Each structure stands twice: as C-alpha cells, then as structure tokens.
Amino acid sequence: MQNNRFSERTNFLRRGVLSAGAVAVVAGLASQPGLPGTAHAEGKKPKPMLMFVQLSEGFKHDEAAKTIRLVNVDPNTLYFADRPERIAGHIKMDLYLKEWTSKAGKDNFKNDPPNATLSVYEPGQDNTTAAVIEITDPKVEGHDLVYGYRLIEGKLPTLGEQTALFIDWIGVGGGVGFGYHGVGVGFRGPGLR
C-alpha cells in the first residue's frame, strides 16, 4: 500500500512536470495588454490557477536552520494550469522572485506563504520521498535556491538527488500576469495529501 501511494504521487508529479512546459508562454502572453488572455483581468472568465514547479539536481535539508536548499536549481521556474484553461510555460528566476514582493500585489507569497509538495530522490532509493511544506523567504545563493520552511506532512531527507518542488496555486499574477493567490477566491489549496 505504501509503495502504491508513492507510485501515485510520483505519477502525479511527473504529469505536472510534463504539463508545465507549455504553461509559461501562454500565461506570459496573457499578461500583455491587448492579447486575448486579458479578459481574465476584466473578470469575465475565471482566472486560471497556476502551480509553479522548480527542478534541481540535488537537495539539502538543514533541520536546525529550518531551511531547504535546491542544489543547482534550474534557473527557470515552470508553471501550469489545468482545465478549463490549460496554460503552461516557464519564467526566469528574477520574475519568480517578484512573486515574493509587493510588486506582485498585496496577496504576494511573502504575505501569504504557499504550501509546496517536495519530491526528492534519496541516494539508493527507487521511489521519491515526498513531503508537504510551507515555504518562505527564498534566497538565491550561487546556483542554489534556499527556502525557509514549516513541515506540514511527511518527512524531509537530509540529502537528495533530483528534486522537484511543486508550489501551490496562485492566480495569474505578479511577474506572470494578473491574479490572486489561492484555490478559489482567496483560498490557498491544501497541497498533495
């Protein structure tokens, strides 16, 4: 039963990564004045809800400092949305980090830290280790990205290899386009459970 649960999570995570590639381009276009996606800003259609994905070659967890480190993180952050409006793409790290500032509006990630599902391949393990965390205060250090965290569910390994961080929903906003945080109007999603 335990391996089946991990297989389901792994399959979900893989589908998310594959879907994410196409999301950023469309959402980036939607944020440009005069393009079809701007109808969302006028409230005529529901705003697409985006999930961010960050991939790294390695992972480090510092329990004492309450930080996670995405080692050699990809400099692009993927994002995607599912039905009814499928969107996919990627943005550069500086635009992603703007989601953590007042430039993203009052509902920015700094004011309302997102939940995230962390999927890590531990050395010598066939399946990923998954945990749900709340992430805070991202900092770029060289080729790494460091977050503060609060554990919600699961366990964090001390070290890991390939890592994916699936960051909770946000309405198209900030450096990505228009919007607000949360699943539904003003509510953050629960993360993968």
N, C-alpha and C. Protein backbone atom coordinates (compact mmCIF):
# COMPACT_ATOMS: atom_id res chain seq x y z
N MET A 1 0.83 -1.19 0.00
CA MET A 1 0.00 0.00 0.00
C MET A 1 0.87 1.26 0.00
N GLN A 2 1.96 1.23 0.79
CA GLN A 2 2.86 2.39 0.87
C GLN A 2 3.49 2.66 -0.50
N ASN A 3 4.02 1.61 -1.19
CA ASN A 3 4.62 1.81 -2.50
C ASN A 3 3.60 2.30 -3.51
N ASN A 4 2.34 1.82 -3.41
CA ASN A 4 1.30 2.28 -4.31
C ASN A 4 1.05 3.78 -4.14
N ARG A 5 1.05 4.25 -2.89
CA ARG A 5 0.84 5.68 -2.62
C ARG A 5 1.97 6.51 -3.22
N PHE A 6 3.22 6.01 -3.06
CA PHE A 6 4.35 6.74 -3.64
C PHE A 6 4.28 6.71 -5.16
N SER A 7 3.86 5.58 -5.75
CA SER A 7 3.72 5.50 -7.20
C SER A 7 2.69 6.50 -7.69
N GLU A 8 1.56 6.61 -6.99
CA GLU A 8 0.54 7.58 -7.38
C GLU A 8 1.10 8.99 -7.31
N ARG A 9 1.82 9.31 -6.23
CA ARG A 9 2.41 10.66 -6.10
C ARG A 9 3.44 10.90 -7.20
N THR A 10 4.29 9.89 -7.45
CA THR A 10 5.31 10.04 -8.48
C THR A 10 4.67 10.28 -9.84
N ASN A 11 3.63 9.51 -10.17
CA ASN A 11 2.94 9.70 -11.45
C ASN A 11 2.31 11.08 -11.52
N PHE A 12 1.70 11.54 -10.42
CA PHE A 12 1.12 12.89 -10.39
C PHE A 12 2.20 13.94 -10.63
N LEU A 13 3.33 13.79 -9.96
CA LEU A 13 4.42 14.76 -10.09
C LEU A 13 4.96 14.76 -11.51
N ARG A 14 5.12 13.57 -12.11
CA ARG A 14 5.63 13.50 -13.49
C ARG A 14 4.66 14.18 -14.45
N ARG A 15 3.34 13.94 -14.28
CA ARG A 15 2.36 14.58 -15.16
C ARG A 15 2.45 16.09 -15.02
N GLY A 16 2.66 16.57 -13.78
CA GLY A 16 2.76 18.01 -13.56
C GLY A 16 3.95 18.62 -14.27
N VAL A 17 5.09 17.93 -14.21
CA VAL A 17 6.30 18.45 -14.86
C VAL A 17 6.12 18.47 -16.36
N LEU A 18 5.52 17.42 -16.93
CA LEU A 18 5.30 17.38 -18.37
C LEU A 18 4.31 18.44 -18.81
N SER A 19 3.28 18.67 -18.01
CA SER A 19 2.28 19.70 -18.35
C SER A 19 2.85 21.09 -18.23
N ALA A 20 3.81 21.29 -17.35
CA ALA A 20 4.30 22.62 -17.04
C ALA A 20 5.03 23.29 -18.19
N GLY A 21 5.63 22.53 -19.06
CA GLY A 21 6.43 23.11 -20.13
C GLY A 21 5.70 24.10 -21.00
N ALA A 22 4.42 23.88 -21.28
CA ALA A 22 3.67 24.75 -22.17
C ALA A 22 3.02 25.94 -21.48
N VAL A 23 2.90 25.93 -20.14
CA VAL A 23 2.10 26.92 -19.39
C VAL A 23 2.68 28.32 -19.43
N ALA A 24 3.95 28.50 -19.24
CA ALA A 24 4.53 29.84 -19.07
C ALA A 24 4.36 30.73 -20.28
N VAL A 25 4.53 30.18 -21.47
CA VAL A 25 4.44 31.00 -22.66
C VAL A 25 3.06 31.62 -22.77
N VAL A 26 2.03 30.82 -22.60
CA VAL A 26 0.66 31.32 -22.73
C VAL A 26 0.36 32.32 -21.63
N ALA A 27 0.74 32.01 -20.38
CA ALA A 27 0.45 32.94 -19.28
C ALA A 27 1.22 34.24 -19.46
N GLY A 28 2.43 34.16 -19.95
CA GLY A 28 3.20 35.38 -20.22
C GLY A 28 2.50 36.23 -21.26
N LEU A 29 1.95 35.58 -22.30
CA LEU A 29 1.21 36.31 -23.31
C LEU A 29 -0.07 36.91 -22.73
N ALA A 30 -0.70 36.17 -21.81
CA ALA A 30 -1.95 36.66 -21.23
C ALA A 30 -1.74 37.94 -20.44
N SER A 31 -0.53 38.17 -19.96
CA SER A 31 -0.28 39.37 -19.16
C SER A 31 0.01 40.59 -20.02
N GLN A 32 0.13 40.39 -21.33
CA GLN A 32 0.44 41.50 -22.21
C GLN A 32 -0.85 42.22 -22.62
N PRO A 33 -0.86 43.56 -22.59
CA PRO A 33 -2.06 44.31 -22.97
C PRO A 33 -2.46 43.98 -24.41
N GLY A 34 -3.78 43.89 -24.65
CA GLY A 34 -4.28 43.72 -26.00
C GLY A 34 -4.32 42.29 -26.50
N LEU A 35 -3.84 41.34 -25.74
CA LEU A 35 -3.88 39.95 -26.18
C LEU A 35 -5.11 39.27 -25.61
N PRO A 36 -5.56 38.16 -26.19
CA PRO A 36 -6.80 37.52 -25.77
C PRO A 36 -6.87 37.18 -24.29
N GLY A 37 -5.77 36.86 -23.65
CA GLY A 37 -5.80 36.46 -22.26
C GLY A 37 -6.19 37.57 -21.30
N THR A 38 -6.22 38.80 -21.74
CA THR A 38 -6.51 39.90 -20.82
C THR A 38 -7.96 39.93 -20.36
N ALA A 39 -8.83 39.14 -20.94
CA ALA A 39 -10.22 39.08 -20.48
C ALA A 39 -10.29 38.64 -19.03
N HIS A 40 -9.29 37.91 -18.56
CA HIS A 40 -9.27 37.45 -17.17
C HIS A 40 -9.17 38.63 -16.21
N ALA A 41 -8.45 39.66 -16.61
CA ALA A 41 -8.29 40.82 -15.74
C ALA A 41 -9.62 41.55 -15.58
N GLU A 42 -10.48 41.44 -16.55
CA GLU A 42 -11.77 42.10 -16.51
C GLU A 42 -12.81 41.28 -15.75
N GLY A 43 -12.46 40.07 -15.34
CA GLY A 43 -13.35 39.24 -14.54
C GLY A 43 -14.43 38.55 -15.35
N LYS A 44 -14.32 38.49 -16.67
CA LYS A 44 -15.34 37.86 -17.50
C LYS A 44 -15.25 36.34 -17.46
N LYS A 45 -14.08 35.82 -17.21
CA LYS A 45 -13.88 34.38 -17.11
C LYS A 45 -13.15 34.10 -15.80
N PRO A 46 -13.27 32.88 -15.27
CA PRO A 46 -12.49 32.56 -14.07
C PRO A 46 -11.00 32.67 -14.38
N LYS A 47 -10.25 33.15 -13.41
CA LYS A 47 -8.81 33.28 -13.59
C LYS A 47 -8.16 31.91 -13.52
N PRO A 48 -7.23 31.62 -14.42
CA PRO A 48 -6.55 30.33 -14.33
C PRO A 48 -5.70 30.28 -13.05
N MET A 49 -5.64 29.12 -12.45
CA MET A 49 -4.86 28.93 -11.24
C MET A 49 -3.55 28.23 -11.62
N LEU A 50 -2.44 28.86 -11.30
CA LEU A 50 -1.13 28.35 -11.70
C LEU A 50 -0.45 27.62 -10.57
N MET A 51 0.28 26.59 -10.92
CA MET A 51 1.17 25.90 -9.99
C MET A 51 2.58 26.06 -10.54
N PHE A 52 3.52 26.42 -9.68
CA PHE A 52 4.91 26.55 -10.07
C PHE A 52 5.65 25.24 -9.79
N VAL A 53 6.65 24.96 -10.61
CA VAL A 53 7.49 23.78 -10.41
C VAL A 53 8.95 24.21 -10.54
N GLN A 54 9.75 23.84 -9.55
CA GLN A 54 11.18 24.10 -9.61
C GLN A 54 11.91 22.77 -9.54
N LEU A 55 12.89 22.60 -10.42
CA LEU A 55 13.66 21.36 -10.50
C LEU A 55 15.11 21.65 -10.14
N SER A 56 15.72 20.70 -9.44
CA SER A 56 17.14 20.86 -9.10
C SER A 56 17.85 19.51 -9.19
N GLU A 57 19.16 19.58 -9.27
CA GLU A 57 19.98 18.37 -9.35
C GLU A 57 20.21 17.73 -8.00
N GLY A 58 20.03 18.50 -6.93
CA GLY A 58 20.27 17.97 -5.59
C GLY A 58 19.45 18.69 -4.56
N PHE A 59 19.53 18.18 -3.32
CA PHE A 59 18.72 18.71 -2.23
C PHE A 59 19.49 18.59 -0.93
N LYS A 60 19.39 19.61 -0.09
CA LYS A 60 19.95 19.58 1.26
C LYS A 60 18.92 20.15 2.22
N HIS A 61 18.84 19.54 3.38
CA HIS A 61 17.89 19.97 4.41
C HIS A 61 18.68 20.28 5.67
N ASP A 62 18.50 21.46 6.21
CA ASP A 62 19.14 21.85 7.45
C ASP A 62 18.05 21.98 8.51
N GLU A 63 17.89 20.95 9.33
CA GLU A 63 16.85 20.91 10.35
C GLU A 63 17.02 22.04 11.36
N ALA A 64 18.25 22.30 11.78
CA ALA A 64 18.50 23.33 12.80
C ALA A 64 18.13 24.72 12.29
N ALA A 65 18.48 25.02 11.04
CA ALA A 65 18.20 26.34 10.47
C ALA A 65 16.79 26.41 9.87
N LYS A 66 16.09 25.27 9.78
CA LYS A 66 14.76 25.19 9.16
C LYS A 66 14.80 25.72 7.72
N THR A 67 15.79 25.21 6.95
CA THR A 67 15.89 25.59 5.55
C THR A 67 16.00 24.34 4.67
N ILE A 68 15.55 24.50 3.44
CA ILE A 68 15.81 23.51 2.39
C ILE A 68 16.60 24.21 1.31
N ARG A 69 17.47 23.46 0.67
CA ARG A 69 18.32 24.01 -0.40
C ARG A 69 18.11 23.18 -1.65
N LEU A 70 17.68 23.84 -2.73
CA LEU A 70 17.60 23.20 -4.04
C LEU A 70 18.96 23.43 -4.69
N VAL A 71 19.75 22.38 -4.75
CA VAL A 71 21.14 22.47 -5.21
C VAL A 71 21.17 22.47 -6.74
N ASN A 72 21.86 23.44 -7.30
CA ASN A 72 21.96 23.62 -8.74
C ASN A 72 20.56 23.64 -9.36
N VAL A 73 19.73 24.55 -8.86
CA VAL A 73 18.35 24.67 -9.30
C VAL A 73 18.31 25.19 -10.74
N ASP A 74 17.34 24.72 -11.49
CA ASP A 74 17.14 25.22 -12.85
C ASP A 74 16.83 26.71 -12.75
N PRO A 75 17.44 27.55 -13.57
CA PRO A 75 17.20 28.99 -13.48
C PRO A 75 15.82 29.42 -13.97
N ASN A 76 15.07 28.49 -14.54
CA ASN A 76 13.70 28.77 -14.98
C ASN A 76 12.72 28.04 -14.08
N THR A 77 11.66 28.70 -13.71
CA THR A 77 10.59 28.10 -12.92
C THR A 77 9.44 27.80 -13.87
N LEU A 78 8.99 26.56 -13.87
CA LEU A 78 7.88 26.14 -14.71
C LEU A 78 6.57 26.52 -14.05
N TYR A 79 5.53 26.75 -14.84
CA TYR A 79 4.20 26.91 -14.28
C TYR A 79 3.19 26.30 -15.23
N PHE A 80 2.04 25.90 -14.68
CA PHE A 80 0.99 25.32 -15.50
C PHE A 80 -0.35 25.47 -14.80
N ALA A 81 -1.40 25.36 -15.57
CA ALA A 81 -2.77 25.33 -15.06
C ALA A 81 -3.50 24.24 -15.83
N ASP A 82 -4.47 23.65 -15.18
CA ASP A 82 -5.25 22.60 -15.81
C ASP A 82 -6.59 23.17 -16.24
N ARG A 83 -7.51 22.33 -16.61
CA ARG A 83 -8.82 22.75 -17.09
C ARG A 83 -9.45 23.79 -16.18
N PRO A 84 -10.28 24.63 -16.66
CA PRO A 84 -10.80 24.63 -18.02
C PRO A 84 -9.85 25.30 -19.02
N GLU A 85 -8.86 25.99 -18.54
CA GLU A 85 -7.94 26.70 -19.42
C GLU A 85 -6.54 26.18 -19.18
N ARG A 86 -6.05 25.38 -20.09
CA ARG A 86 -4.71 24.81 -19.95
C ARG A 86 -3.67 25.84 -20.36
N ILE A 87 -2.76 26.09 -19.45
CA ILE A 87 -1.70 27.07 -19.68
C ILE A 87 -0.41 26.43 -19.20
N ALA A 88 0.69 26.69 -19.87
CA ALA A 88 1.98 26.16 -19.44
C ALA A 88 3.08 27.09 -19.92
N GLY A 89 4.20 27.07 -19.21
CA GLY A 89 5.35 27.87 -19.62
C GLY A 89 6.42 27.90 -18.55
N HIS A 90 7.33 28.83 -18.69
CA HIS A 90 8.38 28.99 -17.69
C HIS A 90 8.80 30.46 -17.64
N ILE A 91 9.29 30.85 -16.47
CA ILE A 91 9.77 32.21 -16.27
C ILE A 91 11.15 32.14 -15.62
N LYS A 92 11.91 33.20 -15.82
CA LYS A 92 13.24 33.27 -15.22
C LYS A 92 13.12 33.52 -13.72
N MET A 93 14.16 33.18 -13.00
CA MET A 93 14.16 33.24 -11.54
C MET A 93 13.82 34.63 -11.01
N ASP A 94 14.33 35.69 -11.65
CA ASP A 94 14.05 37.03 -11.13
C ASP A 94 12.56 37.36 -11.18
N LEU A 95 11.85 36.88 -12.20
CA LEU A 95 10.41 37.11 -12.28
C LEU A 95 9.67 36.28 -11.23
N TYR A 96 10.12 35.04 -11.02
CA TYR A 96 9.51 34.22 -9.97
C TYR A 96 9.69 34.89 -8.61
N LEU A 97 10.88 35.39 -8.34
CA LEU A 97 11.14 36.02 -7.03
C LEU A 97 10.31 37.28 -6.81
N LYS A 98 9.85 37.93 -7.89
CA LYS A 98 8.97 39.10 -7.74
C LYS A 98 7.63 38.70 -7.11
N GLU A 99 7.24 37.42 -7.24
CA GLU A 99 6.00 36.95 -6.61
C GLU A 99 6.11 37.03 -5.09
N TRP A 100 7.31 37.19 -4.57
CA TRP A 100 7.57 37.27 -3.13
C TRP A 100 7.70 38.71 -2.66
N THR A 101 7.34 39.69 -3.51
CA THR A 101 7.49 41.09 -3.16
C THR A 101 6.16 41.83 -3.33
N SER A 102 6.12 43.06 -2.88
CA SER A 102 4.92 43.88 -3.02
C SER A 102 4.60 44.17 -4.49
N LYS A 103 5.56 43.99 -5.39
CA LYS A 103 5.32 44.20 -6.82
C LYS A 103 4.28 43.22 -7.36
N ALA A 104 4.06 42.11 -6.65
CA ALA A 104 3.06 41.12 -7.05
C ALA A 104 1.68 41.45 -6.48
N GLY A 105 1.56 42.54 -5.76
CA GLY A 105 0.29 42.92 -5.17
C GLY A 105 0.24 42.55 -3.70
N LYS A 106 -0.88 42.87 -3.07
CA LYS A 106 -0.99 42.64 -1.63
C LYS A 106 -1.04 41.16 -1.26
N ASP A 107 -1.47 40.31 -2.19
CA ASP A 107 -1.54 38.87 -1.92
C ASP A 107 -0.29 38.14 -2.40
N ASN A 108 0.86 38.76 -2.22
CA ASN A 108 2.11 38.13 -2.68
C ASN A 108 2.49 36.98 -1.76
N PHE A 109 3.44 36.17 -2.21
CA PHE A 109 3.87 34.99 -1.45
C PHE A 109 4.50 35.35 -0.11
N LYS A 110 5.12 36.51 0.00
CA LYS A 110 5.70 36.90 1.29
C LYS A 110 4.61 37.09 2.34
N ASN A 111 3.51 37.74 1.93
CA ASN A 111 2.39 37.96 2.84
C ASN A 111 1.56 36.70 3.08
N ASP A 112 1.53 35.82 2.12
CA ASP A 112 0.72 34.60 2.18
C ASP A 112 1.56 33.43 1.66
N PRO A 113 2.48 32.90 2.49
CA PRO A 113 3.41 31.87 2.03
C PRO A 113 2.67 30.64 1.47
N PRO A 114 3.15 30.14 0.34
CA PRO A 114 2.50 29.00 -0.28
C PRO A 114 2.90 27.67 0.36
N ASN A 115 2.01 26.71 0.22
CA ASN A 115 2.37 25.33 0.51
C ASN A 115 3.06 24.77 -0.72
N ALA A 116 3.84 23.74 -0.53
CA ALA A 116 4.53 23.10 -1.65
C ALA A 116 4.71 21.62 -1.35
N THR A 117 4.68 20.82 -2.39
CA THR A 117 4.99 19.41 -2.25
C THR A 117 6.41 19.22 -2.76
N LEU A 118 7.24 18.66 -1.93
CA LEU A 118 8.64 18.41 -2.25
C LEU A 118 8.80 16.94 -2.59
N SER A 119 9.38 16.64 -3.73
CA SER A 119 9.62 15.26 -4.16
C SER A 119 11.13 15.11 -4.38
N VAL A 120 11.75 14.21 -3.61
CA VAL A 120 13.21 14.08 -3.61
C VAL A 120 13.60 12.62 -3.81
N TYR A 121 14.52 12.36 -4.73
CA TYR A 121 15.13 11.04 -4.83
C TYR A 121 16.28 10.99 -3.83
N GLU A 122 16.14 10.14 -2.83
CA GLU A 122 17.23 9.93 -1.88
C GLU A 122 18.21 8.93 -2.49
N PRO A 123 19.51 9.08 -2.18
CA PRO A 123 20.50 8.15 -2.71
C PRO A 123 20.13 6.70 -2.37
N GLY A 124 20.16 5.85 -3.41
CA GLY A 124 19.90 4.42 -3.22
C GLY A 124 18.44 4.03 -3.13
N GLN A 125 17.52 4.98 -3.28
CA GLN A 125 16.08 4.68 -3.20
C GLN A 125 15.47 4.71 -4.60
N ASP A 126 14.57 3.75 -4.86
CA ASP A 126 13.89 3.70 -6.16
C ASP A 126 12.75 4.70 -6.26
N ASN A 127 12.10 4.99 -5.15
CA ASN A 127 10.96 5.91 -5.14
C ASN A 127 11.36 7.23 -4.50
N THR A 128 10.58 8.25 -4.83
CA THR A 128 10.86 9.55 -4.24
C THR A 128 10.30 9.62 -2.82
N THR A 129 10.89 10.49 -2.03
CA THR A 129 10.36 10.84 -0.73
C THR A 129 9.57 12.12 -0.92
N ALA A 130 8.34 12.16 -0.42
CA ALA A 130 7.51 13.33 -0.61
C ALA A 130 7.13 13.93 0.74
N ALA A 131 7.07 15.24 0.79
CA ALA A 131 6.65 15.96 1.99
C ALA A 131 5.89 17.21 1.56
N VAL A 132 4.94 17.63 2.37
CA VAL A 132 4.23 18.88 2.13
C VAL A 132 4.76 19.88 3.14
N ILE A 133 5.16 21.05 2.63
CA ILE A 133 5.76 22.08 3.48
C ILE A 133 5.16 23.43 3.11
N GLU A 134 5.29 24.38 4.01
CA GLU A 134 5.03 25.78 3.69
C GLU A 134 6.40 26.40 3.47
N ILE A 135 6.58 27.11 2.37
CA ILE A 135 7.89 27.70 2.07
C ILE A 135 7.85 29.21 2.29
N THR A 136 9.00 29.75 2.70
CA THR A 136 9.13 31.18 2.96
C THR A 136 10.50 31.67 2.52
N ASP A 137 10.62 32.97 2.34
CA ASP A 137 11.89 33.68 2.22
C ASP A 137 12.91 33.05 1.27
N PRO A 138 12.60 32.95 -0.03
CA PRO A 138 13.57 32.36 -0.97
C PRO A 138 14.80 33.26 -1.16
N LYS A 139 15.95 32.63 -1.23
CA LYS A 139 17.20 33.36 -1.47
C LYS A 139 18.03 32.56 -2.47
N VAL A 140 18.54 33.26 -3.48
CA VAL A 140 19.45 32.64 -4.42
C VAL A 140 20.85 32.73 -3.85
N GLU A 141 21.53 31.60 -3.78
CA GLU A 141 22.93 31.55 -3.31
C GLU A 141 23.73 30.79 -4.36
N GLY A 142 24.42 31.53 -5.21
CA GLY A 142 25.14 30.91 -6.31
C GLY A 142 24.15 30.26 -7.26
N HIS A 143 24.28 28.93 -7.45
CA HIS A 143 23.37 28.18 -8.32
C HIS A 143 22.27 27.49 -7.52
N ASP A 144 22.18 27.80 -6.24
CA ASP A 144 21.20 27.16 -5.36
C ASP A 144 20.08 28.14 -5.00
N LEU A 145 18.94 27.57 -4.62
CA LEU A 145 17.82 28.36 -4.11
C LEU A 145 17.50 27.81 -2.72
N VAL A 146 17.48 28.70 -1.73
CA VAL A 146 17.26 28.31 -0.33
C VAL A 146 15.93 28.89 0.13
N TYR A 147 15.12 28.04 0.78
CA TYR A 147 13.85 28.46 1.36
C TYR A 147 13.85 28.17 2.86
N GLY A 148 13.16 29.01 3.62
CA GLY A 148 12.74 28.63 4.96
C GLY A 148 11.53 27.72 4.78
N TYR A 149 11.22 26.91 5.78
CA TYR A 149 10.08 26.02 5.63
C TYR A 149 9.43 25.72 6.98
N ARG A 150 8.19 25.24 6.90
CA ARG A 150 7.47 24.67 8.02
C ARG A 150 6.89 23.36 7.51
N LEU A 151 7.19 22.25 8.19
CA LEU A 151 6.71 20.94 7.77
C LEU A 151 5.22 20.81 8.06
N ILE A 152 4.46 20.37 7.06
CA ILE A 152 3.03 20.13 7.21
C ILE A 152 2.74 18.64 7.29
N GLU A 153 3.38 17.88 6.40
CA GLU A 153 3.14 16.43 6.36
C GLU A 153 4.33 15.73 5.72
N GLY A 154 4.66 14.54 6.21
CA GLY A 154 5.74 13.75 5.63
C GLY A 154 7.05 13.95 6.37
N LYS A 155 8.14 13.55 5.71
CA LYS A 155 9.47 13.73 6.29
C LYS A 155 10.40 14.28 5.23
N LEU A 156 11.35 15.09 5.68
CA LEU A 156 12.34 15.66 4.78
C LEU A 156 13.64 14.89 4.91
N PRO A 157 14.20 14.41 3.81
CA PRO A 157 15.50 13.77 3.90
C PRO A 157 16.58 14.82 4.16
N THR A 158 17.71 14.37 4.66
CA THR A 158 18.83 15.29 4.88
C THR A 158 19.48 15.69 3.56
N LEU A 159 19.66 14.70 2.67
CA LEU A 159 20.28 14.92 1.36
C LEU A 159 19.44 14.24 0.29
N GLY A 160 19.56 14.72 -0.92
CA GLY A 160 18.86 14.08 -2.01
C GLY A 160 19.51 14.39 -3.34
N GLU A 161 19.00 13.68 -4.33
CA GLU A 161 19.47 13.87 -5.71
C GLU A 161 18.42 14.69 -6.45
N GLN A 162 17.96 14.25 -7.61
CA GLN A 162 16.98 15.01 -8.37
C GLN A 162 15.77 15.35 -7.50
N THR A 163 15.39 16.62 -7.59
CA THR A 163 14.33 17.14 -6.72
C THR A 163 13.36 17.98 -7.54
N ALA A 164 12.09 17.87 -7.18
CA ALA A 164 11.05 18.73 -7.76
C ALA A 164 10.27 19.36 -6.62
N LEU A 165 10.05 20.66 -6.71
CA LEU A 165 9.26 21.39 -5.72
C LEU A 165 8.04 21.93 -6.45
N PHE A 166 6.84 21.42 -6.06
CA PHE A 166 5.57 21.81 -6.67
C PHE A 166 4.93 22.83 -5.74
N ILE A 167 4.87 24.07 -6.19
CA ILE A 167 4.43 25.18 -5.35
C ILE A 167 2.96 25.45 -5.60
N ASP A 168 2.23 25.62 -4.52
CA ASP A 168 0.78 25.73 -4.52
C ASP A 168 0.26 26.78 -5.48
N TRP A 169 -1.01 26.73 -5.71
CA TRP A 169 -1.70 27.55 -6.69
C TRP A 169 -1.60 29.04 -6.42
N ILE A 170 -1.56 29.78 -7.51
CA ILE A 170 -1.64 31.23 -7.48
C ILE A 170 -2.44 31.65 -8.70
N GLY A 171 -3.28 32.64 -8.56
CA GLY A 171 -3.94 33.19 -9.75
C GLY A 171 -2.88 33.86 -10.59
N VAL A 172 -3.07 33.90 -11.90
CA VAL A 172 -2.07 34.50 -12.76
C VAL A 172 -1.80 35.91 -12.24
N GLY A 173 -0.59 36.18 -11.78
CA GLY A 173 -0.34 37.47 -11.15
C GLY A 173 1.12 37.86 -11.11
N GLY A 174 1.40 39.03 -10.60
CA GLY A 174 2.78 39.49 -10.44
C GLY A 174 3.53 39.48 -11.75
N GLY A 175 4.74 38.90 -11.72
CA GLY A 175 5.56 38.83 -12.92
C GLY A 175 5.00 37.91 -13.97
N VAL A 176 4.00 37.12 -13.63
CA VAL A 176 3.43 36.15 -14.56
C VAL A 176 2.22 36.73 -15.28
N GLY A 177 1.46 37.53 -14.64
CA GLY A 177 0.25 38.09 -15.25
C GLY A 177 -0.66 38.64 -14.17
N PHE A 178 -1.99 38.53 -14.36
CA PHE A 178 -2.96 39.07 -13.42
C PHE A 178 -3.29 38.05 -12.35
N GLY A 179 -3.78 38.48 -11.18
CA GLY A 179 -4.36 37.48 -10.33
C GLY A 179 -4.28 37.65 -8.84
N TYR A 180 -4.55 36.55 -8.19
CA TYR A 180 -4.58 36.46 -6.74
C TYR A 180 -4.10 35.09 -6.35
N HIS A 181 -3.75 34.90 -5.09
CA HIS A 181 -3.29 33.61 -4.61
C HIS A 181 -4.48 32.76 -4.18
N GLY A 182 -4.34 31.47 -4.31
CA GLY A 182 -5.33 30.58 -3.71
C GLY A 182 -6.13 29.78 -4.69
N VAL A 183 -6.70 28.68 -4.19
CA VAL A 183 -7.62 27.88 -4.97
C VAL A 183 -9.00 28.44 -4.68
N GLY A 184 -9.68 28.89 -5.70
CA GLY A 184 -10.93 29.62 -5.48
C GLY A 184 -10.57 31.04 -5.13
N VAL A 185 -11.54 31.81 -4.75
CA VAL A 185 -11.28 33.21 -4.48
C VAL A 185 -10.66 33.36 -3.10
N GLY A 186 -9.37 33.66 -3.07
CA GLY A 186 -8.70 33.97 -1.82
C GLY A 186 -8.34 32.81 -0.93
N PHE A 187 -8.49 31.57 -1.38
CA PHE A 187 -8.16 30.43 -0.53
C PHE A 187 -7.00 29.66 -1.11
N ARG A 188 -6.03 29.34 -0.28
CA ARG A 188 -4.88 28.55 -0.69
C ARG A 188 -5.29 27.09 -0.73
N GLY A 189 -4.75 26.37 -1.70
CA GLY A 189 -5.05 24.94 -1.81
C GLY A 189 -4.35 24.13 -0.74
N PRO A 190 -4.78 22.91 -0.54
CA PRO A 190 -4.27 22.10 0.56
C PRO A 190 -2.93 21.43 0.28
N GLY A 191 -2.45 21.42 -0.95
CA GLY A 191 -1.25 20.67 -1.29
C GLY A 191 -1.62 19.21 -1.51
N LEU A 192 -0.66 18.42 -1.95
CA LEU A 192 -0.89 17.00 -2.21
C LEU A 192 -0.91 16.26 -0.89
N ARG A 193 -1.94 15.51 -0.62
CA ARG A 193 -2.06 14.77 0.65
C ARG A 193 -2.15 13.29 0.38
